[in-house]
Amino acid sequence: MTGGMYKHCPETLSWADKRQRLLQLMDGYAQKDCVIAFSGGVDSSLLVRLACEQAAVHHTTVYAVMIQSELGTAADAKIAASVAGQAGAQFVVLNIHELTVPQIAQNHVDRCYVCKKYLFSRLLAFAREKNIDTVLEGTNADDLKAYRPGIRAIRELGVLSPLVQAQMTKAEVRRLAEEYGISVASRPSAPCLATRFPYNTRLTVEALRKVEQGEQILREMGFTQVRLRIHGTIARIEVLPEQMQQFMAAAPEIVRELKALGYDYVTLDLEGFRSGSMDLHVRHE
């Protein structure tokens, strides 16, 4: 395997050029059996769909492999199984307990790097068992602009990133996914639950499940993009700015539900939802 383009490239390609490049890449990769790291999110779902279309032409097999970890949610697995079935991929679940790795459980600032190295090594082992040397994952061009230590691990392991190679941004991934009628085209991003805790806060299964429950409660109340950030016994909630008035109207119920989970203080972050808010004090490499 050879790594994809990880250094961010200037956006010099037109939409049509990017689309065509991605389709050509996926046709090339699907000429042999391939493994795709699959989460059920829009990025990996697009790759699975495009790979399966070309695999049908080349009579090859696409394995959509989900790593079911302690840092993910039960909802992710259910959605992933459905999307893989719609695309026609072979859906595989690898159950991994990454909190047994001290560097991950301690939530060090490089946790994402250690975790990706650990998880993708397992994915590569699965590929070797199937005699497959083409392994893909869904990093997109926008991911290169944020603090993403895990990308370094992916690069070191030689896993391919077709969306980066095609210079596809997140918005463009969603656009193409909608074009193909992929059911999760508008699904909000769902990074691992470890991102809800400050670095150097020990992660436990109990704490992770509480966050999962809390965010599910908020989504069921109609908050479409939400993060429950935990600072000790304080729950700091991020919602979209346009939903803050809705939040305040529901505040008594929200406080009651989250205190029932064990949080002593329930707060609303006035800056609203934003990805990577736990990375404010991390110096980018």
Protein backbone atom coordinates (compact mmCIF):
# COMPACT_ATOMS: atom_id res chain seq x y z
CA MET A 1 0.00 0.00 0.00
CA THR A 2 1.11 3.54 -0.63
CA GLY A 3 -0.06 6.60 1.25
CA GLY A 4 -2.36 9.19 -0.27
CA MET A 5 -1.72 12.92 -0.54
CA TYR A 6 -1.74 14.23 3.03
CA LYS A 7 -0.16 17.60 2.55
CA HIS A 8 -2.96 20.06 1.88
CA CYS A 9 -3.11 21.08 -1.77
CA PRO A 10 -4.41 24.45 -3.01
CA GLU A 11 -7.99 24.21 -4.23
CA THR A 12 -7.08 24.46 -7.91
CA LEU A 13 -9.42 21.77 -9.21
CA SER A 14 -12.97 22.51 -10.28
CA TRP A 15 -15.89 20.53 -8.84
CA ALA A 16 -16.10 18.54 -12.07
CA ASP A 17 -12.37 17.78 -11.93
CA LYS A 18 -12.54 16.64 -8.31
CA ARG A 19 -15.57 14.48 -8.97
CA GLN A 20 -13.93 12.86 -11.97
CA ARG A 21 -10.66 12.27 -10.14
CA LEU A 22 -12.43 10.57 -7.24
CA LEU A 23 -14.44 8.33 -9.55
CA GLN A 24 -11.27 7.34 -11.41
CA LEU A 25 -9.44 6.60 -8.16
CA MET A 26 -12.28 4.43 -6.85
CA ASP A 27 -12.50 2.55 -10.12
CA GLY A 28 -8.80 1.80 -9.88
CA TYR A 29 -8.98 0.65 -6.26
CA ALA A 30 -12.04 -1.53 -6.88
CA GLN A 31 -10.32 -3.55 -9.57
CA LYS A 32 -9.15 -5.74 -6.68
CA ASP A 33 -10.85 -6.67 -3.43
CA CYS A 34 -10.52 -3.79 -0.99
CA VAL A 35 -11.10 -2.93 2.64
CA ILE A 36 -12.63 0.40 3.68
CA ALA A 37 -12.49 1.70 7.24
CA PHE A 38 -16.17 2.36 7.74
CA SER A 39 -17.97 4.40 10.38
CA GLY A 40 -21.35 5.01 8.77
CA GLY A 41 -20.50 8.71 8.40
CA VAL A 42 -20.83 10.49 5.08
CA ASP A 43 -17.11 10.32 4.13
CA SER A 44 -16.64 6.58 4.43
CA SER A 45 -20.18 5.92 3.18
CA LEU A 46 -19.40 7.73 -0.07
CA LEU A 47 -16.24 5.66 -0.52
CA VAL A 48 -18.14 2.43 0.11
CA ARG A 49 -20.86 3.36 -2.37
CA LEU A 50 -18.42 4.33 -5.13
CA ALA A 51 -16.25 1.26 -4.50
CA CYS A 52 -19.25 -1.08 -4.61
CA GLU A 53 -20.46 0.35 -7.91
CA GLN A 54 -17.09 -0.32 -9.52
CA ALA A 55 -16.65 -3.67 -7.75
CA ALA A 56 -19.83 -4.83 -9.48
CA VAL A 57 -18.15 -4.09 -12.81
CA HIS A 58 -14.88 -5.80 -11.88
CA HIS A 59 -16.46 -8.68 -9.94
CA THR A 60 -14.54 -7.86 -6.80
CA THR A 61 -15.53 -7.53 -3.14
CA VAL A 62 -15.67 -4.46 -0.94
CA TYR A 63 -15.34 -5.05 2.81
CA ALA A 64 -16.84 -2.19 4.82
CA VAL A 65 -15.12 -2.78 8.15
CA MET A 66 -16.40 -1.00 11.21
CA ILE A 67 -14.26 -0.88 14.31
CA GLN A 68 -16.71 -1.13 17.19
CA SER A 69 -14.80 0.52 20.00
CA GLU A 70 -15.47 1.83 23.48
CA LEU A 71 -15.07 5.36 22.15
CA GLY A 72 -17.94 4.97 19.67
CA THR A 73 -21.71 4.74 20.10
CA ALA A 74 -24.26 2.00 19.58
CA ALA A 75 -26.10 4.24 17.11
CA ASP A 76 -23.00 4.37 14.88
CA ALA A 77 -22.99 0.58 14.46
CA LYS A 78 -26.68 0.41 13.60
CA ILE A 79 -26.40 3.15 10.99
CA ALA A 80 -23.23 1.65 9.52
CA ALA A 81 -24.83 -1.77 9.06
CA SER A 82 -27.76 -0.20 7.21
CA VAL A 83 -25.61 1.94 4.89
CA ALA A 84 -23.24 -0.92 4.05
CA GLY A 85 -26.21 -3.10 3.16
CA GLN A 86 -27.66 -0.40 0.91
CA ALA A 87 -24.35 -0.12 -0.95
CA GLY A 88 -23.87 -3.87 -1.35
CA ALA A 89 -20.69 -4.17 0.70
CA GLN A 90 -19.64 -6.99 2.97
CA PHE A 91 -20.16 -5.46 6.42
CA VAL A 92 -17.68 -6.58 9.06
CA VAL A 93 -17.42 -5.48 12.70
CA LEU A 94 -14.15 -5.68 14.62
CA ASN A 95 -14.71 -5.36 18.37
CA ILE A 96 -11.78 -3.62 20.02
CA HIS A 97 -11.24 -2.52 23.61
CA GLU A 98 -8.80 0.33 23.23
CA LEU A 99 -9.07 1.56 26.82
CA THR A 100 -6.75 -1.31 27.69
CA VAL A 101 -4.00 0.82 26.09
CA PRO A 102 -2.72 3.18 28.82
CA GLN A 103 -1.88 6.06 26.44
CA ILE A 104 -5.47 6.03 25.15
CA ALA A 105 -7.17 5.64 28.53
CA GLN A 106 -5.11 8.55 29.92
CA ASN A 107 -6.37 10.78 27.06
CA HIS A 108 -2.96 12.24 26.35
CA VAL A 109 -2.77 15.05 23.81
CA ASP A 110 -1.54 12.46 21.27
CA ARG A 111 -4.37 10.04 22.10
CA CYS A 112 -5.81 10.27 18.59
CA TYR A 113 -2.46 9.26 17.07
CA VAL A 114 -2.00 6.29 19.41
CA CYS A 115 -5.62 5.23 18.98
CA LYS A 116 -5.59 5.40 15.17
CA LYS A 117 -2.31 3.49 15.06
CA TYR A 118 -3.81 0.80 17.29
CA LEU A 119 -7.15 0.54 15.47
CA PHE A 120 -5.79 0.70 11.93
CA SER A 121 -3.16 -1.91 12.75
CA ARG A 122 -6.05 -4.24 13.55
CA LEU A 123 -7.75 -3.24 10.30
CA LEU A 124 -4.59 -4.01 8.34
CA ALA A 125 -4.35 -7.38 10.06
CA PHE A 126 -7.89 -8.15 8.88
CA ALA A 127 -6.91 -7.14 5.34
CA ARG A 128 -3.89 -9.43 5.43
CA GLU A 129 -6.11 -12.33 6.51
CA LYS A 130 -8.14 -11.72 3.34
CA ASN A 131 -4.99 -11.30 1.20
CA ILE A 132 -6.02 -7.72 0.44
CA ASP A 133 -3.46 -4.95 0.02
CA THR A 134 -5.82 -2.05 -0.74
CA VAL A 135 -7.09 -0.36 2.44
CA LEU A 136 -8.94 2.96 2.26
CA GLU A 137 -10.25 5.50 4.76
CA GLY A 138 -12.34 8.67 4.65
CA THR A 139 -10.15 11.63 5.61
CA ASN A 140 -11.20 14.64 3.52
CA ALA A 141 -9.30 17.80 2.54
CA ASP A 142 -10.84 19.89 5.35
CA ASP A 143 -9.53 17.45 7.96
CA LEU A 144 -5.98 18.45 7.06
CA LYS A 145 -6.64 21.97 8.34
CA ALA A 146 -7.56 20.89 11.89
CA TYR A 147 -5.66 19.23 14.73
CA ARG A 148 -5.86 15.59 13.66
CA PRO A 149 -2.91 13.58 15.07
CA GLY A 150 -4.55 10.40 13.80
CA ILE A 151 -3.84 11.39 10.21
CA ARG A 152 -0.14 10.92 10.91
CA ALA A 153 -0.79 7.33 12.00
CA ILE A 154 -2.84 6.64 8.88
CA ARG A 155 -0.04 8.00 6.72
CA GLU A 156 2.62 5.95 8.53
CA LEU A 157 0.62 2.74 8.03
CA GLY A 158 0.19 3.34 4.31
CA VAL A 159 -3.62 3.51 4.34
CA LEU A 160 -5.05 5.35 1.32
CA SER A 161 -7.22 8.49 1.53
CA PRO A 162 -9.03 8.94 -1.81
CA LEU A 163 -10.97 12.04 -0.72
CA VAL A 164 -7.70 13.82 0.04
CA GLN A 165 -6.21 12.63 -3.23
CA ALA A 166 -9.21 14.16 -5.03
CA GLN A 167 -8.99 17.35 -2.90
CA MET A 168 -12.62 16.85 -1.76
CA THR A 169 -13.79 19.12 1.04
CA LYS A 170 -16.53 18.09 3.48
CA ALA A 171 -19.11 20.18 1.66
CA GLU A 172 -18.15 18.56 -1.64
CA VAL A 173 -18.34 15.08 -0.10
CA ARG A 174 -21.87 15.86 1.05
CA ARG A 175 -22.76 17.21 -2.39
CA LEU A 176 -21.61 14.04 -4.14
CA ALA A 177 -23.25 11.83 -1.50
CA GLU A 178 -26.56 13.63 -2.11
CA GLU A 179 -26.08 13.14 -5.85
CA TYR A 180 -25.81 9.40 -5.25
CA GLY A 181 -28.77 9.34 -2.88
CA ILE A 182 -26.72 8.15 0.09
CA SER A 183 -28.96 8.11 3.15
CA VAL A 184 -26.38 9.69 5.51
CA ALA A 185 -25.43 12.55 3.15
CA SER A 186 -26.53 15.16 5.70
CA ARG A 187 -25.65 13.22 8.85
CA PRO A 188 -23.70 15.45 11.28
CA SER A 189 -20.10 14.49 11.98
CA ALA A 190 -19.72 12.20 14.98
CA PRO A 191 -16.14 12.14 16.28
CA CYS A 192 -15.22 9.68 19.00
CA LEU A 193 -16.51 10.29 22.51
CA ALA A 194 -13.03 10.92 23.88
CA THR A 195 -13.23 14.39 22.29
CA ARG A 196 -15.81 15.33 24.95
CA PHE A 197 -13.18 15.32 27.69
CA PRO A 198 -10.16 17.58 28.33
CA TYR A 199 -6.80 16.04 27.56
CA ASN A 200 -5.16 14.19 30.45
CA THR A 201 -8.57 13.28 31.90
CA ARG A 202 -8.74 9.53 32.44
CA LEU A 203 -11.36 7.90 30.23
CA THR A 204 -13.65 5.21 31.59
CA VAL A 205 -16.40 3.19 29.96
CA GLU A 206 -18.88 4.58 32.51
CA ALA A 207 -18.01 8.20 31.70
CA LEU A 208 -18.19 7.57 27.96
CA ARG A 209 -21.60 5.90 28.20
CA LYS A 210 -22.93 8.81 30.26
CA VAL A 211 -21.90 11.23 27.51
CA GLU A 212 -23.51 8.98 24.91
CA GLN A 213 -26.77 8.95 26.91
CA GLY A 214 -26.69 12.70 27.47
CA GLU A 215 -26.17 13.56 23.82
CA GLN A 216 -28.88 11.12 22.78
CA ILE A 217 -31.32 12.84 25.17
CA LEU A 218 -30.48 16.21 23.61
CA ARG A 219 -30.85 14.91 20.05
CA GLU A 220 -34.24 13.44 20.91
CA MET A 221 -35.23 16.91 22.11
CA GLY A 222 -34.48 18.25 18.63
CA PHE A 223 -30.91 19.54 18.87
CA THR A 224 -29.40 18.54 15.55
CA GLN A 225 -25.73 19.32 16.20
CA VAL A 226 -24.74 18.90 19.83
CA ARG A 227 -21.69 18.20 21.98
CA LEU A 228 -21.67 17.40 25.69
CA ARG A 229 -18.24 18.50 26.94
CA ILE A 230 -17.36 17.23 30.40
CA HIS A 231 -15.21 19.14 32.91
CA GLY A 232 -15.28 17.08 36.10
CA THR A 233 -18.89 17.30 37.30
CA ILE A 234 -19.71 20.17 34.91
CA ALA A 235 -21.54 19.40 31.67
CA ARG A 236 -20.82 22.15 29.10
CA ILE A 237 -23.30 21.87 26.25
CA GLU A 238 -22.67 23.13 22.73
CA VAL A 239 -25.62 23.55 20.36
CA LEU A 240 -26.05 25.54 17.15
CA PRO A 241 -26.48 29.28 17.87
CA GLU A 242 -29.85 29.30 16.15
CA GLN A 243 -31.07 26.64 18.61
CA MET A 244 -30.05 28.46 21.80
CA GLN A 245 -33.50 29.96 22.30
CA GLN A 246 -34.96 26.47 21.96
CA PHE A 247 -32.39 25.27 24.50
CA MET A 248 -33.35 27.91 27.05
CA ALA A 249 -37.03 27.07 26.66
CA ALA A 250 -36.20 23.43 27.46
CA ALA A 251 -33.61 24.25 30.14
CA PRO A 252 -35.53 22.87 33.16
CA GLU A 253 -35.99 19.51 31.46
CA ILE A 254 -32.39 19.42 30.23
CA VAL A 255 -31.07 20.18 33.70
CA ARG A 256 -33.26 17.48 35.22
CA GLU A 257 -32.22 14.84 32.68
CA LEU A 258 -28.50 15.55 32.89
CA LYS A 259 -28.40 15.80 36.65
CA ALA A 260 -30.07 12.40 36.71
CA LEU A 261 -26.99 11.12 34.84
CA GLY A 262 -24.78 12.39 37.65
CA TYR A 263 -23.61 15.83 36.51
CA ASP A 264 -23.72 18.49 39.26
CA TYR A 265 -23.73 21.54 36.99
CA VAL A 266 -25.34 21.94 33.56
CA THR A 267 -24.18 24.87 31.42
CA LEU A 268 -24.75 26.24 27.92
CA ASP A 269 -21.66 27.34 25.99
CA LEU A 270 -22.54 30.76 24.53
CA GLU A 271 -20.11 30.31 21.63
CA GLY A 272 -22.29 27.46 20.40
CA PHE A 273 -21.32 24.27 18.64
CA ARG A 274 -17.82 24.09 17.19
CA SER A 275 -15.63 21.16 16.30
CA GLY A 276 -12.41 20.75 18.24
CA SER A 277 -13.27 23.05 21.12
CA MET A 278 -11.16 20.84 23.41
CA ASP A 279 -8.12 21.59 21.22
CA LEU A 280 -7.93 25.32 21.97
CA HIS A 281 -4.65 25.04 23.87
CA VAL A 282 -3.03 22.47 21.63
CA ARG A 283 -0.18 23.81 19.56
CA HIS A 284 -0.43 22.50 16.01
CA GLU A 285 2.60 20.71 14.72
